[in-house]
Amino acid sequence: MLRFARDPSVPATNNLAERLLRLYKVQQKIFGCYRSVAGAVAQANLRTMLETARMQGWNVLETIEAGPAAASTMLKTP
């Protein structure tokens, strides 16, 4: 819970998580809701894959072409 106190590379705030969730909240406010659960899940999966690629420094287009199964094998382990 207090990992940031021992590891200076870990931020002490949750700003990143809040910024990543903002897109979904704005869409919910504009459109009211998703049309289907499958559509919401598909968007969440795609957004998660793209954010992971961006944070890991991968090429986003190559990650999309490789697909989610290939992206999960490319993750850096701490």
PDB file of N, CA and C in Angstrom:
ATOM      1  N   MET A   1       0.806  -1.184   0.000  1.00  0.00           N
ATOM      2  CA  MET A   1       0.000   0.000   0.000  1.00  0.00           C
ATOM      3  C   MET A   1       0.857   1.259   0.000  1.00  0.00           C
ATOM      4  N   LEU A   2       1.969   1.254   0.648  1.00  0.00           N
ATOM      5  CA  LEU A   2       2.852   2.419   0.689  1.00  0.00           C
ATOM      6  C   LEU A   2       4.131   2.171  -0.098  1.00  0.00           C
ATOM      7  N   ARG A   3       3.980   1.524  -1.229  1.00  0.00           N
ATOM      8  CA  ARG A   3       5.158   1.201  -2.039  1.00  0.00           C
ATOM      9  C   ARG A   3       5.910   2.464  -2.444  1.00  0.00           C
ATOM     10  N   PHE A   4       5.182   3.583  -2.658  1.00  0.00           N
ATOM     11  CA  PHE A   4       5.825   4.815  -3.073  1.00  0.00           C
ATOM     12  C   PHE A   4       6.807   5.331  -2.019  1.00  0.00           C
ATOM     13  N   ALA A   5       6.630   4.936  -0.753  1.00  0.00           N
ATOM     14  CA  ALA A   5       7.526   5.384   0.312  1.00  0.00           C
ATOM     15  C   ALA A   5       8.884   4.687   0.225  1.00  0.00           C
ATOM     16  N   ARG A   6       8.903   3.472  -0.313  1.00  0.00           N
ATOM     17  CA  ARG A   6      10.157   2.731  -0.450  1.00  0.00           C
ATOM     18  C   ARG A   6      10.773   2.852  -1.832  1.00  0.00           C
ATOM     19  N   ASP A   7       9.932   3.061  -2.848  1.00  0.00           N
ATOM     20  CA  ASP A   7      10.400   3.103  -4.228  1.00  0.00           C
ATOM     21  C   ASP A   7      10.097   4.478  -4.822  1.00  0.00           C
ATOM     22  N   PRO A   8      11.122   5.322  -5.017  1.00  0.00           N
ATOM     23  CA  PRO A   8      10.881   6.676  -5.512  1.00  0.00           C
ATOM     24  C   PRO A   8      10.354   6.728  -6.952  1.00  0.00           C
ATOM     25  N   SER A   9      10.424   5.645  -7.693  1.00  0.00           N
ATOM     26  CA  SER A   9       9.914   5.649  -9.065  1.00  0.00           C
ATOM     27  C   SER A   9       8.390   5.479  -9.110  1.00  0.00           C
ATOM     28  N   VAL A  10       7.772   5.129  -7.978  1.00  0.00           N
ATOM     29  CA  VAL A  10       6.322   4.950  -7.911  1.00  0.00           C
ATOM     30  C   VAL A  10       5.694   6.268  -7.463  1.00  0.00           C
ATOM     31  N   PRO A  11       4.753   6.807  -8.254  1.00  0.00           N
ATOM     32  CA  PRO A  11       4.128   8.075  -7.856  1.00  0.00           C
ATOM     33  C   PRO A  11       3.233   7.894  -6.630  1.00  0.00           C
ATOM     34  N   ALA A  12       3.130   8.958  -5.832  1.00  0.00           N
ATOM     35  CA  ALA A  12       2.330   8.904  -4.615  1.00  0.00           C
ATOM     36  C   ALA A  12       0.871   9.251  -4.871  1.00  0.00           C
ATOM     37  N   THR A  13       0.524   9.571  -6.099  1.00  0.00           N
ATOM     38  CA  THR A  13      -0.865   9.929  -6.410  1.00  0.00           C
ATOM     39  C   THR A  13      -1.453   8.921  -7.389  1.00  0.00           C
ATOM     40  N   ASN A  14      -2.754   9.014  -7.592  1.00  0.00           N
ATOM     41  CA  ASN A  14      -3.418   8.144  -8.556  1.00  0.00           C
ATOM     42  C   ASN A  14      -3.858   8.945  -9.781  1.00  0.00           C
ATOM     43  N   ASN A  15      -3.153  10.023 -10.100  1.00  0.00           N
ATOM     44  CA  ASN A  15      -3.510  10.859 -11.241  1.00  0.00           C
ATOM     45  C   ASN A  15      -3.585  10.067 -12.537  1.00  0.00           C
ATOM     46  N   LEU A  16      -2.659   9.172 -12.767  1.00  0.00           N
ATOM     47  CA  LEU A  16      -2.644   8.396 -14.008  1.00  0.00           C
ATOM     48  C   LEU A  16      -3.920   7.570 -14.139  1.00  0.00           C
ATOM     49  N   ALA A  17      -4.311   6.902 -13.069  1.00  0.00           N
ATOM     50  CA  ALA A  17      -5.537   6.097 -13.112  1.00  0.00           C
ATOM     51  C   ALA A  17      -6.750   6.970 -13.378  1.00  0.00           C
ATOM     52  N   GLU A  18      -6.801   8.128 -12.762  1.00  0.00           N
ATOM     53  CA  GLU A  18      -7.936   9.020 -12.974  1.00  0.00           C
ATOM     54  C   GLU A  18      -7.981   9.529 -14.413  1.00  0.00           C
ATOM     55  N   ARG A  19      -6.818   9.861 -14.984  1.00  0.00           N
ATOM     56  CA  ARG A  19      -6.787  10.323 -16.371  1.00  0.00           C
ATOM     57  C   ARG A  19      -7.207   9.229 -17.337  1.00  0.00           C
ATOM     58  N   LEU A  20      -6.847   7.988 -17.063  1.00  0.00           N
ATOM     59  CA  LEU A  20      -7.219   6.887 -17.945  1.00  0.00           C
ATOM     60  C   LEU A  20      -8.722   6.604 -17.883  1.00  0.00           C
ATOM     61  N   LEU A  21      -9.338   6.814 -16.736  1.00  0.00           N
ATOM     62  CA  LEU A  21     -10.775   6.574 -16.591  1.00  0.00           C
ATOM     63  C   LEU A  21     -11.629   7.729 -17.117  1.00  0.00           C
ATOM     64  N   ARG A  22     -11.035   8.904 -17.253  1.00  0.00           N
ATOM     65  CA  ARG A  22     -11.801  10.080 -17.664  1.00  0.00           C
ATOM     66  C   ARG A  22     -12.497   9.886 -19.005  1.00  0.00           C
ATOM     67  N   LEU A  23     -11.849   9.244 -19.965  1.00  0.00           N
ATOM     68  CA  LEU A  23     -12.441   9.011 -21.282  1.00  0.00           C
ATOM     69  C   LEU A  23     -13.775   8.268 -21.165  1.00  0.00           C
ATOM     70  N   TYR A  24     -13.815   7.247 -20.336  1.00  0.00           N
ATOM     71  CA  TYR A  24     -15.034   6.456 -20.182  1.00  0.00           C
ATOM     72  C   TYR A  24     -16.139   7.272 -19.517  1.00  0.00           C
ATOM     73  N   LYS A  25     -15.769   8.080 -18.544  1.00  0.00           N
ATOM     74  CA  LYS A  25     -16.760   8.887 -17.844  1.00  0.00           C
ATOM     75  C   LYS A  25     -17.342   9.949 -18.773  1.00  0.00           C
ATOM     76  N   VAL A  26     -16.506  10.570 -19.593  1.00  0.00           N
ATOM     77  CA  VAL A  26     -16.990  11.570 -20.542  1.00  0.00           C
ATOM     78  C   VAL A  26     -17.937  10.922 -21.542  1.00  0.00           C
ATOM     79  N   GLN A  27     -17.578   9.747 -22.051  1.00  0.00           N
ATOM     80  CA  GLN A  27     -18.458   9.060 -22.997  1.00  0.00           C
ATOM     81  C   GLN A  27     -19.792   8.718 -22.344  1.00  0.00           C
ATOM     82  N   GLN A  28     -19.761   8.300 -21.102  1.00  0.00           N
ATOM     83  CA  GLN A  28     -20.998   7.966 -20.389  1.00  0.00           C
ATOM     84  C   GLN A  28     -21.873   9.210 -20.233  1.00  0.00           C
ATOM     85  N   LYS A  29     -21.258  10.352 -19.945  1.00  0.00           N
ATOM     86  CA  LYS A  29     -22.034  11.578 -19.769  1.00  0.00           C
ATOM     87  C   LYS A  29     -22.629  12.061 -21.087  1.00  0.00           C
ATOM     88  N   ILE A  30     -21.885  11.923 -22.184  1.00  0.00           N
ATOM     89  CA  ILE A  30     -22.354  12.400 -23.483  1.00  0.00           C
ATOM     90  C   ILE A  30     -23.452  11.494 -24.038  1.00  0.00           C
ATOM     91  N   PHE A  31     -23.207  10.204 -24.044  1.00  0.00           N
ATOM     92  CA  PHE A  31     -24.126   9.264 -24.680  1.00  0.00           C
ATOM     93  C   PHE A  31     -25.091   8.601 -23.711  1.00  0.00           C
ATOM     94  N   GLY A  32     -24.886   8.747 -22.423  1.00  0.00           N
ATOM     95  CA  GLY A  32     -25.778   8.146 -21.434  1.00  0.00           C
ATOM     96  C   GLY A  32     -25.340   6.762 -21.012  1.00  0.00           C
ATOM     97  N   CYS A  33     -24.935   5.940 -21.974  1.00  0.00           N
ATOM     98  CA  CYS A  33     -24.466   4.592 -21.662  1.00  0.00           C
ATOM     99  C   CYS A  33     -23.953   3.955 -22.949  1.00  0.00           C
ATOM    100  N   TYR A  34     -23.440   2.768 -22.832  1.00  0.00           N
ATOM    101  CA  TYR A  34     -23.044   2.008 -24.009  1.00  0.00           C
ATOM    102  C   TYR A  34     -24.270   1.295 -24.556  1.00  0.00           C
ATOM    103  N   ARG A  35     -24.278   1.021 -25.840  1.00  0.00           N
ATOM    104  CA  ARG A  35     -25.439   0.354 -26.443  1.00  0.00           C
ATOM    105  C   ARG A  35     -25.522  -1.115 -26.044  1.00  0.00           C
ATOM    106  N   SER A  36     -24.375  -1.730 -25.801  1.00  0.00           N
ATOM    107  CA  SER A  36     -24.389  -3.134 -25.387  1.00  0.00           C
ATOM    108  C   SER A  36     -23.207  -3.406 -24.468  1.00  0.00           C
ATOM    109  N   VAL A  37     -23.334  -4.452 -23.695  1.00  0.00           N
ATOM    110  CA  VAL A  37     -22.237  -4.856 -22.821  1.00  0.00           C
ATOM    111  C   VAL A  37     -21.043  -5.290 -23.667  1.00  0.00           C
ATOM    112  N   ALA A  38     -21.308  -5.987 -24.773  1.00  0.00           N
ATOM    113  CA  ALA A  38     -20.224  -6.437 -25.648  1.00  0.00           C
ATOM    114  C   ALA A  38     -19.443  -5.248 -26.204  1.00  0.00           C
ATOM    115  N   GLY A  39     -20.129  -4.173 -26.564  1.00  0.00           N
ATOM    116  CA  GLY A  39     -19.459  -2.979 -27.069  1.00  0.00           C
ATOM    117  C   GLY A  39     -18.605  -2.319 -26.003  1.00  0.00           C
ATOM    118  N   ALA A  40     -19.105  -2.260 -24.783  1.00  0.00           N
ATOM    119  CA  ALA A  40     -18.343  -1.679 -23.677  1.00  0.00           C
ATOM    120  C   ALA A  40     -17.094  -2.509 -23.385  1.00  0.00           C
ATOM    121  N   VAL A  41     -17.245  -3.822 -23.394  1.00  0.00           N
ATOM    122  CA  VAL A  41     -16.107  -4.714 -23.136  1.00  0.00           C
ATOM    123  C   VAL A  41     -15.069  -4.600 -24.252  1.00  0.00           C
ATOM    124  N   ALA A  42     -15.537  -4.546 -25.497  1.00  0.00           N
ATOM    125  CA  ALA A  42     -14.611  -4.426 -26.630  1.00  0.00           C
ATOM    126  C   ALA A  42     -13.827  -3.125 -26.549  1.00  0.00           C
ATOM    127  N   GLN A  43     -14.486  -2.023 -26.224  1.00  0.00           N
ATOM    128  CA  GLN A  43     -13.785  -0.751 -26.123  1.00  0.00           C
ATOM    129  C   GLN A  43     -12.800  -0.766 -24.962  1.00  0.00           C
ATOM    130  N   ALA A  44     -13.194  -1.341 -23.838  1.00  0.00           N
ATOM    131  CA  ALA A  44     -12.301  -1.415 -22.683  1.00  0.00           C
ATOM    132  C   ALA A  44     -11.065  -2.245 -23.005  1.00  0.00           C
ATOM    133  N   ASN A  45     -11.248  -3.361 -23.694  1.00  0.00           N
ATOM    134  CA  ASN A  45     -10.106  -4.210 -24.057  1.00  0.00           C
ATOM    135  C   ASN A  45      -9.161  -3.488 -25.011  1.00  0.00           C
ATOM    136  N   LEU A  46      -9.720  -2.820 -26.011  1.00  0.00           N
ATOM    137  CA  LEU A  46      -8.895  -2.097 -26.974  1.00  0.00           C
ATOM    138  C   LEU A  46      -8.156  -0.952 -26.291  1.00  0.00           C
ATOM    139  N   ARG A  47      -8.853  -0.200 -25.469  1.00  0.00           N
ATOM    140  CA  ARG A  47      -8.230   0.933 -24.777  1.00  0.00           C
ATOM    141  C   ARG A  47      -7.121   0.449 -23.841  1.00  0.00           C
ATOM    142  N   THR A  48      -7.354  -0.651 -23.148  1.00  0.00           N
ATOM    143  CA  THR A  48      -6.340  -1.210 -22.260  1.00  0.00           C
ATOM    144  C   THR A  48      -5.099  -1.621 -23.039  1.00  0.00           C
ATOM    145  N   MET A  49      -5.303  -2.277 -24.178  1.00  0.00           N
ATOM    146  CA  MET A  49      -4.178  -2.703 -25.001  1.00  0.00           C
ATOM    147  C   MET A  49      -3.389  -1.501 -25.517  1.00  0.00           C
ATOM    148  N   LEU A  50      -4.081  -0.455 -25.956  1.00  0.00           N
ATOM    149  CA  LEU A  50      -3.404   0.730 -26.481  1.00  0.00           C
ATOM    150  C   LEU A  50      -2.653   1.478 -25.389  1.00  0.00           C
ATOM    151  N   GLU A  51      -3.242   1.600 -24.211  1.00  0.00           N
ATOM    152  CA  GLU A  51      -2.561   2.276 -23.110  1.00  0.00           C
ATOM    153  C   GLU A  51      -1.347   1.488 -22.640  1.00  0.00           C
ATOM    154  N   THR A  52      -1.465   0.162 -22.614  1.00  0.00           N
ATOM    155  CA  THR A  52      -0.321  -0.673 -22.249  1.00  0.00           C
ATOM    156  C   THR A  52       0.810  -0.487 -23.254  1.00  0.00           C
ATOM    157  N   ALA A  53       0.474  -0.479 -24.536  1.00  0.00           N
ATOM    158  CA  ALA A  53       1.483  -0.279 -25.580  1.00  0.00           C
ATOM    159  C   ALA A  53       2.162   1.071 -25.408  1.00  0.00           C
ATOM    160  N   ARG A  54       1.381   2.103 -25.162  1.00  0.00           N
ATOM    161  CA  ARG A  54       1.943   3.443 -24.996  1.00  0.00           C
ATOM    162  C   ARG A  54       2.861   3.502 -23.782  1.00  0.00           C
ATOM    163  N   MET A  55       2.430   2.919 -22.663  1.00  0.00           N
ATOM    164  CA  MET A  55       3.228   2.972 -21.433  1.00  0.00           C
ATOM    165  C   MET A  55       4.493   2.123 -21.517  1.00  0.00           C
ATOM    166  N   GLN A  56       4.450   1.043 -22.295  1.00  0.00           N
ATOM    167  CA  GLN A  56       5.617   0.174 -22.448  1.00  0.00           C
ATOM    168  C   GLN A  56       6.581   0.680 -23.524  1.00  0.00           C
ATOM    169  N   GLY A  57       6.155   1.701 -24.277  1.00  0.00           N
ATOM    170  CA  GLY A  57       7.014   2.256 -25.316  1.00  0.00           C
ATOM    171  C   GLY A  57       6.967   1.477 -26.617  1.00  0.00           C
ATOM    172  N   TRP A  58       5.919   0.679 -26.803  1.00  0.00           N
ATOM    173  CA  TRP A  58       5.775  -0.095 -28.033  1.00  0.00           C
ATOM    174  C   TRP A  58       5.197   0.783 -29.134  1.00  0.00           C
ATOM    175  N   ASN A  59       5.361   0.357 -30.365  1.00  0.00           N
ATOM    176  CA  ASN A  59       4.708   0.995 -31.494  1.00  0.00           C
ATOM    177  C   ASN A  59       3.238   0.586 -31.453  1.00  0.00           C
ATOM    178  N   VAL A  60       2.353   1.575 -31.381  1.00  0.00           N
ATOM    179  CA  VAL A  60       0.927   1.296 -31.200  1.00  0.00           C
ATOM    180  C   VAL A  60       0.349   0.539 -32.394  1.00  0.00           C
ATOM    181  N   LEU A  61       0.719   0.932 -33.616  1.00  0.00           N
ATOM    182  CA  LEU A  61       0.185   0.244 -34.798  1.00  0.00           C
ATOM    183  C   LEU A  61       0.652  -1.206 -34.864  1.00  0.00           C
ATOM    184  N   GLU A  62       1.911  -1.442 -34.533  1.00  0.00           N
ATOM    185  CA  GLU A  62       2.415  -2.827 -34.525  1.00  0.00           C
ATOM    186  C   GLU A  62       1.705  -3.656 -33.457  1.00  0.00           C
ATOM    187  N   THR A  63       1.385  -3.038 -32.327  1.00  0.00           N
ATOM    188  CA  THR A  63       0.682  -3.745 -31.258  1.00  0.00           C
ATOM    189  C   THR A  63      -0.721  -4.136 -31.703  1.00  0.00           C
ATOM    190  N   ILE A  64      -1.405  -3.215 -32.398  1.00  0.00           N
ATOM    191  CA  ILE A  64      -2.746  -3.521 -32.899  1.00  0.00           C
ATOM    192  C   ILE A  64      -2.689  -4.661 -33.906  1.00  0.00           C
ATOM    193  N   GLU A  65      -1.696  -4.599 -34.796  1.00  0.00           N
ATOM    194  CA  GLU A  65      -1.561  -5.666 -35.799  1.00  0.00           C
ATOM    195  C   GLU A  65      -1.255  -7.012 -35.152  1.00  0.00           C
ATOM    196  N   ALA A  66      -0.450  -6.997 -34.088  1.00  0.00           N
ATOM    197  CA  ALA A  66      -0.070  -8.244 -33.420  1.00  0.00           C
ATOM    198  C   ALA A  66      -1.244  -8.859 -32.663  1.00  0.00           C
ATOM    199  N   GLY A  67      -2.134  -8.019 -32.149  1.00  0.00           N
ATOM    200  CA  GLY A  67      -3.297  -8.513 -31.424  1.00  0.00           C
ATOM    201  C   GLY A  67      -3.032  -8.660 -29.941  1.00  0.00           C
ATOM    202  N   PRO A  68      -4.092  -8.841 -29.171  1.00  0.00           N
ATOM    203  CA  PRO A  68      -3.959  -8.894 -27.715  1.00  0.00           C
ATOM    204  C   PRO A  68      -3.130 -10.068 -27.194  1.00  0.00           C
ATOM    205  N   ALA A  69      -3.208 -11.209 -27.840  1.00  0.00           N
ATOM    206  CA  ALA A  69      -2.443 -12.376 -27.353  1.00  0.00           C
ATOM    207  C   ALA A  69      -0.943 -12.110 -27.466  1.00  0.00           C
ATOM    208  N   ALA A  70      -0.506 -11.536 -28.577  1.00  0.00           N
ATOM    209  CA  ALA A  70       0.912 -11.235 -28.763  1.00  0.00           C
ATOM    210  C   ALA A  70       1.348 -10.117 -27.823  1.00  0.00           C
ATOM    211  N   ALA A  71       0.480  -9.137 -27.590  1.00  0.00           N
ATOM    212  CA  ALA A  71       0.826  -8.014 -26.712  1.00  0.00           C
ATOM    213  C   ALA A  71       1.064  -8.485 -25.289  1.00  0.00           C
ATOM    214  N   SER A  72       0.285  -9.439 -24.818  1.00  0.00           N
ATOM    215  CA  SER A  72       0.447  -9.905 -23.451  1.00  0.00           C
ATOM    216  C   SER A  72       1.774 -10.647 -23.254  1.00  0.00           C
ATOM    217  N   THR A  73       2.324 -11.230 -24.308  1.00  0.00           N
ATOM    218  CA  THR A  73       3.603 -11.923 -24.188  1.00  0.00           C
ATOM    219  C   THR A  73       4.765 -10.952 -24.229  1.00  0.00           C
ATOM    220  N   MET A  74       4.533  -9.702 -24.666  1.00  0.00           N
ATOM    221  CA  MET A  74       5.602  -8.710 -24.786  1.00  0.00           C
ATOM    222  C   MET A  74       5.763  -7.877 -23.533  1.00  0.00           C
ATOM    223  N   LEU A  75       4.925  -8.075 -22.513  1.00  0.00           N
ATOM    224  CA  LEU A  75       4.981  -7.262 -21.313  1.00  0.00           C
ATOM    225  C   LEU A  75       6.322  -7.392 -20.602  1.00  0.00           C
ATOM    226  N   LYS A  76       6.803  -6.263 -20.110  1.00  0.00           N
ATOM    227  CA  LYS A  76       8.032  -6.264 -19.327  1.00  0.00           C
ATOM    228  C   LYS A  76       7.710  -6.760 -17.925  1.00  0.00           C
ATOM    229  N   THR A  77       8.539  -7.619 -17.396  1.00  0.00           N
ATOM    230  CA  THR A  77       8.318  -8.085 -16.023  1.00  0.00           C
ATOM    231  C   THR A  77       9.236  -7.319 -15.103  1.00  0.00           C
ATOM    232  N   PRO A  78       8.706  -6.890 -13.939  1.00  0.00           N
ATOM    233  CA  PRO A  78       9.524  -6.087 -13.008  1.00  0.00           C
ATOM    234  C   PRO A  78      10.638  -6.883 -12.371  1.00  0.00           C
TER     235      PRO A  78
END
